[in-house]
Structures are given as C-alpha cells and as structure tokens.
Amino acid sequence: MPMTDWMAITKRNARSVQTTIGWIYWDPGALARLEALGLPGPLGYIAARAAPLGPAGAEAVVAAFGSISPTGIAIAMDLVDQHTTFDAVWAARDEAILEGLALHAPGIMEPLASIGPDLWEVVDQLPRLGRVFFAAHLRMDRPADPVLSGWHAVNCLREWRGDTHWALIAAAGLTGIEASILHNAWIGYEKDWLAASRGSSTEETSAGWEQLHQKGLATDGQVNATGLELRQHIEDETDRLTALPWTLLGHTPAVRFAEQFEPHCELLLSRVDATAGPNYQPASRLR
C-alpha cells in the first residue's frame, strides 16, 4: 500500500478550511448584524473573530492576529466595550453563518453536520502549547445546532493552523508588516495591496520595506529571491506542522473532506469575490 502524502492532503484541505470560515467576514448579513451592534465594516470582522480572546484585551488580540492593524484592533475592542459584548458579537455572527450558508452554499450544510462530531474529537486532541488563540476558542460553548457545530470545529482547525503559521513567522524573526509584504509578493498581488487591506499605514509599510532590505529579503523596493524562498519555506513548514489534524482524522475521511467541501467552497469563494473583491482571503487563492 502506498504511503499517504499527508502534506498534500494538508495543503489541499487547508484551502477548504479557510474558505468554509473566511467568507462570513465579508457577508452582508453578518456585516449588518455587527454594524447594528456598533461595529461597522472591518471592525466587526475583528471583534467577531477575536471574541474568544477579546476579554484578554487588545494587546493579546494584536499578538494573535499578527498582521492586522493594531490601531484597528484597539478601536474594535473599544467599541465592543462601549456598545455591546463579545458574547453578543459571537451570537450575531452565528446567526449570519446559518443564514448565509443556507442562501449561498446549502450543499455544505450536510457535510458540516456529518463531520462535526469527528472533527471535535480531533480538536480535543490537538496540542495547545503555543496556540493561544486556538486554545481560547475551546472556552466557547459548542453549538447545539449540528451545522453550526461543524462550522466551529472547522474554525478551530483554521485557528490552530494560524497559530502554527505565526509561530513560524516569529521564529523567522519577521514582524507582521514584513510578513504581509512577503506574502503579497509570494502570491503575486499588486505591490503593498495586502498590507493596505489589513489596515497598515503608508508609514508602517515603508518601515516594513526598510526592515526587509536590512535583512537581505528585499532589493531596490522588491522582495528578492531570498525573501520569496523564505516565504515558501514558511508555507511548506506550515503544511508539515499542521498535518496532525488530518492524520488524526484518518486518510479516508480526510480525502472525503476534500471531495465534499471543495465544490461548495468555490461557491463561498465566489461570494467573497462579490462582497469584498477577488484579492481578499488570499489563503483561499490558488497561486
């Protein structure tokens, strides 16, 4: 029997995990609910995603989010304190998830409900060490609704991978803005698009470029071959170190996840194209 290529399965499924979750952050139904709570536009995204860790304060969320504007995070946290609660934000997003899936990708609901219990068993076995944002999600109540429960189990896999990815970036000695610049070049976007989309100022981005030049990762205002090689190494290591959930799930269900989720995730990605634009959610984009 041939050996399973777990890195290939991990890379393939990471895209569906990202897409199953990420579309909600630009969904008009979610945005309307969060705006009604006093959190307009991207501030709603920050508050909803950060809710499990939000009570620890803005600095903890800045550390977890990596490349999102610290100023934007501080504003979002302040608005939650002024107008609502993290529990209310979490509940509003949950309502929008069920509504949005039923409208735009109804075929994903049964696979989510079916795989949820198995994914939660995987989530409960994943190591917490160094994965603070993932671990914060474990304090949240698990939904009774089977579709929503499956969605939140997938979200835990997403944030566990995210924590692992940011640990690798930190180990490489990179800052959040430097990581954004490298990722932008690696994926082939217009210069500085990604940093701007995450709220970085022109001054912050300029400082990031200067730091990359000093580290030998950029030349004449462009990420050089060394920078691109580092970014590829971080991606490969992320895939290698995040194969664990799929090995715990097992080969057959891991492949079945890919086959069942991918067609519906293309519908969700088309929603991102329509509600935000074709560059958003770069982890879902094929290079």
Protein backbone atom coordinates (compact mmCIF):
# COMPACT_ATOMS: atom_id res chain seq x y z
CA MET A 1 0.00 0.00 0.00
CA PRO A 2 1.49 3.42 -0.96
CA MET A 3 2.28 5.82 1.85
CA THR A 4 -0.18 8.69 2.36
CA ASP A 5 1.10 12.08 1.28
CA TRP A 6 -0.13 13.94 4.33
CA MET A 7 1.42 17.23 3.27
CA ALA A 8 -0.52 17.15 0.01
CA ILE A 9 -3.76 16.39 1.87
CA THR A 10 -2.98 19.15 4.38
CA LYS A 11 -2.28 21.72 1.67
CA ARG A 12 -5.44 20.74 -0.22
CA ASN A 13 -7.73 20.79 2.80
CA ALA A 14 -6.26 24.00 4.23
CA ARG A 15 -7.84 25.88 1.35
CA SER A 16 -11.31 24.48 2.08
CA VAL A 17 -10.91 25.07 5.81
CA GLN A 18 -10.02 28.70 5.13
CA THR A 19 -12.89 29.19 2.69
CA THR A 20 -15.51 27.47 4.84
CA ILE A 21 -14.76 30.08 7.52
CA GLY A 22 -13.49 33.20 5.80
CA TRP A 23 -16.48 34.13 3.63
CA ILE A 24 -18.50 35.16 6.68
CA TYR A 25 -16.25 38.13 7.38
CA TRP A 26 -17.50 39.91 4.24
CA ASP A 27 -21.05 38.56 4.27
CA PRO A 28 -23.62 41.39 4.11
CA GLY A 29 -25.85 39.61 6.63
CA ALA A 30 -23.01 39.40 9.12
CA LEU A 31 -21.87 42.96 8.47
CA ALA A 32 -25.40 44.30 9.02
CA ARG A 33 -25.78 42.44 12.30
CA LEU A 34 -22.41 43.61 13.58
CA GLU A 35 -23.00 47.18 12.47
CA ALA A 36 -26.25 47.12 14.45
CA LEU A 37 -24.09 46.32 17.48
CA GLY A 38 -21.94 49.39 16.83
CA LEU A 39 -19.18 47.67 14.85
CA PRO A 40 -19.02 48.96 11.27
CA GLY A 41 -17.16 47.29 8.40
CA PRO A 42 -13.84 45.59 9.19
CA LEU A 43 -14.19 46.42 12.88
CA GLY A 44 -16.98 43.84 13.01
CA TYR A 45 -14.66 41.25 11.50
CA ILE A 46 -12.03 41.99 14.11
CA ALA A 47 -14.46 41.79 17.01
CA ALA A 48 -16.23 38.64 15.81
CA ARG A 49 -13.07 36.70 15.10
CA ALA A 50 -11.38 37.93 18.28
CA ALA A 51 -14.32 37.23 20.60
CA PRO A 52 -12.81 34.14 22.30
CA LEU A 53 -9.68 36.10 23.23
CA GLY A 54 -11.23 39.55 23.42
CA PRO A 55 -11.59 39.67 27.21
CA ALA A 56 -7.78 39.42 27.45
CA GLY A 57 -7.52 42.84 25.81
CA ALA A 58 -6.33 44.47 22.62
CA GLU A 59 -2.64 43.63 23.03
CA ALA A 60 -3.41 39.91 23.24
CA VAL A 61 -5.50 40.14 20.08
CA VAL A 62 -2.75 42.07 18.29
CA ALA A 63 -0.35 39.26 19.14
CA ALA A 64 -2.78 36.62 17.87
CA PHE A 65 -3.78 38.37 14.66
CA GLY A 66 -0.22 39.02 13.52
CA SER A 67 -0.69 41.31 10.53
CA ILE A 68 -3.97 43.11 11.24
CA SER A 69 -3.59 46.79 12.12
CA PRO A 70 -3.03 47.20 15.88
CA THR A 71 -4.87 50.53 15.66
CA GLY A 72 -7.89 48.85 14.10
CA ILE A 73 -7.86 46.15 16.74
CA ALA A 74 -7.72 48.72 19.55
CA ILE A 75 -10.65 50.64 18.05
CA ALA A 76 -12.71 47.47 17.66
CA MET A 77 -12.06 46.40 21.24
CA ASP A 78 -13.06 49.85 22.50
CA LEU A 79 -16.30 49.76 20.51
CA VAL A 80 -17.21 46.39 21.98
CA ASP A 81 -16.66 47.83 25.45
CA GLN A 82 -18.79 50.88 24.62
CA HIS A 83 -21.70 49.30 22.77
CA THR A 84 -22.01 45.55 23.19
CA THR A 85 -20.34 42.35 24.45
CA PHE A 86 -18.18 39.70 22.86
CA ASP A 87 -20.92 37.14 23.51
CA ALA A 88 -23.40 39.26 21.57
CA VAL A 89 -20.94 39.64 18.70
CA TRP A 90 -20.34 35.87 18.65
CA ALA A 91 -24.08 35.15 18.60
CA ALA A 92 -24.72 37.66 15.80
CA ARG A 93 -22.08 36.02 13.63
CA ASP A 94 -23.55 32.57 14.34
CA GLU A 95 -26.94 33.74 13.08
CA ALA A 96 -25.35 35.07 9.91
CA ILE A 97 -23.42 31.83 9.33
CA LEU A 98 -26.54 29.68 9.23
CA GLU A 99 -28.44 32.21 7.14
CA GLY A 100 -25.56 32.72 4.70
CA LEU A 101 -24.80 29.04 4.20
CA ALA A 102 -28.47 28.28 3.51
CA LEU A 103 -28.58 31.05 0.92
CA HIS A 104 -25.25 30.67 -0.84
CA ALA A 105 -23.88 27.17 -0.28
CA PRO A 106 -26.67 24.95 1.05
CA GLY A 107 -24.88 21.81 -0.10
CA ILE A 108 -22.15 22.29 2.51
CA MET A 109 -24.57 22.09 5.42
CA GLU A 110 -25.00 18.31 5.48
CA PRO A 111 -21.24 17.62 5.25
CA LEU A 112 -20.64 20.09 8.10
CA ALA A 113 -23.26 18.43 10.27
CA SER A 114 -21.95 14.95 9.48
CA ILE A 115 -18.27 15.57 10.09
CA GLY A 116 -18.67 17.82 13.12
CA PRO A 117 -18.50 15.12 15.83
CA ASP A 118 -15.38 13.55 14.30
CA LEU A 119 -13.69 16.94 13.92
CA TRP A 120 -14.39 17.81 17.55
CA GLU A 121 -12.66 14.59 18.57
CA VAL A 122 -9.66 15.76 16.54
CA VAL A 123 -9.80 19.27 18.00
CA ASP A 124 -9.75 17.86 21.53
CA GLN A 125 -6.51 16.00 20.76
CA LEU A 126 -4.61 18.91 19.25
CA PRO A 127 -1.75 20.34 21.35
CA ARG A 128 -2.45 23.71 22.95
CA LEU A 129 1.15 24.70 23.62
CA GLY A 130 1.93 27.92 21.77
CA ARG A 131 -1.52 28.00 20.16
CA VAL A 132 -3.11 30.58 22.43
CA PHE A 133 -5.75 31.87 20.02
CA PHE A 134 -6.85 28.33 19.16
CA ALA A 135 -6.97 27.45 22.84
CA ALA A 136 -9.13 30.49 23.58
CA HIS A 137 -11.78 29.03 21.27
CA LEU A 138 -12.06 25.97 23.49
CA ARG A 139 -13.71 28.03 26.20
CA MET A 140 -16.65 28.87 23.93
CA ASP A 141 -19.84 26.82 24.16
CA ARG A 142 -20.15 24.28 21.37
CA PRO A 143 -23.34 24.89 19.41
CA ALA A 144 -26.27 22.52 19.67
CA ASP A 145 -27.10 23.06 16.00
CA PRO A 146 -25.14 20.35 14.12
CA VAL A 147 -24.32 22.55 11.12
CA LEU A 148 -23.04 25.37 13.29
CA SER A 149 -21.18 22.89 15.48
CA GLY A 150 -19.40 21.50 12.42
CA TRP A 151 -18.56 25.03 11.27
CA HIS A 152 -16.99 25.88 14.62
CA ALA A 153 -14.97 22.66 14.62
CA VAL A 154 -13.58 23.65 11.21
CA ASN A 155 -12.88 27.11 12.60
CA CYS A 156 -10.80 25.56 15.38
CA LEU A 157 -8.70 23.77 12.77
CA ARG A 158 -8.27 27.08 10.96
CA GLU A 159 -7.08 28.93 14.03
CA TRP A 160 -4.79 26.07 15.11
CA ARG A 161 -3.10 26.28 11.71
CA GLY A 162 -2.99 30.07 12.01
CA ASP A 163 -1.26 29.95 15.38
CA THR A 164 1.27 27.48 13.99
CA HIS A 165 1.90 29.70 10.96
CA TRP A 166 2.50 32.79 13.10
CA ALA A 167 4.88 30.85 15.35
CA LEU A 168 6.96 30.08 12.25
CA ILE A 169 6.89 33.73 11.19
CA ALA A 170 8.02 34.80 14.64
CA ALA A 171 10.75 32.16 14.62
CA ALA A 172 11.97 33.58 11.30
CA GLY A 173 12.38 36.97 13.01
CA LEU A 174 9.68 38.67 10.97
CA THR A 175 7.18 41.30 12.08
CA GLY A 176 3.55 41.30 10.99
CA ILE A 177 4.06 44.00 8.37
CA GLU A 178 7.12 42.22 6.99
CA ALA A 179 5.10 39.03 6.73
CA SER A 180 2.36 40.87 4.84
CA ILE A 181 4.85 42.30 2.34
CA LEU A 182 6.46 38.89 1.76
CA HIS A 183 3.08 37.19 1.39
CA ASN A 184 1.89 39.86 -1.03
CA ALA A 185 4.93 39.29 -3.27
CA TRP A 186 4.74 35.49 -2.93
CA ILE A 187 1.12 35.39 -4.04
CA GLY A 188 1.71 37.94 -6.80
CA TYR A 189 -0.59 40.78 -5.78
CA GLU A 190 -0.12 44.43 -6.71
CA LYS A 191 2.62 45.92 -4.54
CA ASP A 192 1.55 46.63 -0.94
CA TRP A 193 -2.07 45.61 -1.56
CA LEU A 194 -2.16 43.06 1.23
CA ALA A 195 -0.64 45.34 3.86
CA ALA A 196 -3.10 48.11 3.00
CA SER A 197 -6.04 45.69 3.10
CA ARG A 198 -5.09 44.76 6.67
CA GLY A 199 -5.07 48.37 7.77
CA SER A 200 -1.35 49.13 7.73
CA SER A 201 -0.50 52.78 7.16
CA THR A 202 1.87 54.00 4.45
CA GLU A 203 4.43 54.79 7.15
CA GLU A 204 4.16 51.31 8.67
CA THR A 205 4.53 49.68 5.26
CA SER A 206 7.54 51.84 4.41
CA ALA A 207 9.16 50.82 7.69
CA GLY A 208 8.46 47.17 6.84
CA TRP A 209 10.20 47.53 3.49
CA GLU A 210 13.21 49.13 5.16
CA GLN A 211 13.44 46.25 7.62
CA LEU A 212 13.25 43.70 4.80
CA HIS A 213 16.05 45.49 2.96
CA GLN A 214 18.19 45.42 6.10
CA LYS A 215 17.56 41.68 6.45
CA GLY A 216 18.52 40.98 2.84
CA LEU A 217 14.98 39.94 1.91
CA ALA A 218 14.29 42.86 -0.46
CA THR A 219 16.33 44.70 -3.09
CA ASP A 220 15.51 48.02 -4.77
CA GLY A 221 11.96 48.08 -3.47
CA GLN A 222 11.12 44.50 -4.42
CA VAL A 223 11.07 41.25 -2.47
CA ASN A 224 14.07 39.32 -3.75
CA ALA A 225 14.65 35.61 -4.33
CA THR A 226 15.83 35.13 -0.74
CA GLY A 227 12.61 36.69 0.56
CA LEU A 228 10.45 34.53 -1.68
CA GLU A 229 12.37 31.42 -0.68
CA LEU A 230 11.80 32.26 2.99
CA ARG A 231 8.08 32.75 2.40
CA GLN A 232 7.86 29.42 0.58
CA HIS A 233 9.77 27.72 3.39
CA ILE A 234 7.29 29.11 5.94
CA GLU A 235 4.39 27.81 3.85
CA ASP A 236 5.94 24.36 3.49
CA GLU A 237 6.69 24.18 7.19
CA THR A 238 3.15 25.27 8.00
CA ASP A 239 1.81 22.39 5.92
CA ARG A 240 4.24 19.95 7.51
CA LEU A 241 3.43 21.01 11.06
CA THR A 242 -0.34 21.13 10.54
CA ALA A 243 -0.77 17.65 9.07
CA LEU A 244 -1.67 16.36 12.55
CA PRO A 245 -5.44 17.04 12.40
CA TRP A 246 -5.75 15.08 9.17
CA THR A 247 -3.66 12.16 10.40
CA LEU A 248 -5.87 12.04 13.50
CA LEU A 249 -8.98 12.11 11.33
CA GLY A 250 -7.64 9.37 9.08
CA HIS A 251 -6.91 9.01 5.38
CA THR A 252 -10.38 8.12 4.11
CA PRO A 253 -12.31 10.87 5.96
CA ALA A 254 -9.55 13.41 5.19
CA VAL A 255 -9.90 12.72 1.46
CA ARG A 256 -13.68 12.68 1.77
CA PHE A 257 -13.49 16.13 3.41
CA ALA A 258 -11.69 17.44 0.32
CA GLU A 259 -14.18 15.89 -2.08
CA GLN A 260 -17.27 17.00 -0.18
CA PHE A 261 -16.21 20.53 0.73
CA GLU A 262 -14.35 21.80 -2.34
CA PRO A 263 -17.33 22.31 -4.70
CA HIS A 264 -19.28 24.24 -2.08
CA CYS A 265 -16.23 26.26 -1.06
CA GLU A 266 -15.94 27.51 -4.64
CA LEU A 267 -19.43 28.98 -4.18
CA LEU A 268 -18.36 30.61 -0.92
CA LEU A 269 -15.21 31.98 -2.54
CA SER A 270 -17.35 33.50 -5.29
CA ARG A 271 -19.28 35.24 -2.51
CA VAL A 272 -16.01 36.78 -1.29
CA ASP A 273 -15.33 37.94 -4.86
CA ALA A 274 -18.75 39.59 -4.94
CA THR A 275 -18.81 41.09 -1.44
CA ALA A 276 -15.15 42.08 -0.98
CA GLY A 277 -13.16 41.51 -4.17
CA PRO A 278 -11.00 38.88 -5.87
CA ASN A 279 -7.88 39.53 -3.79
CA TYR A 280 -9.42 39.05 -0.38
CA GLN A 281 -8.95 35.82 1.54
CA PRO A 282 -5.56 35.12 -0.04
CA ALA A 283 -5.21 31.75 1.73
CA SER A 284 -8.07 30.52 -0.46
CA ARG A 285 -6.45 31.68 -3.71
CA LEU A 286 -4.53 29.32 -5.95
CA ARG A 287 -1.06 30.55 -6.89
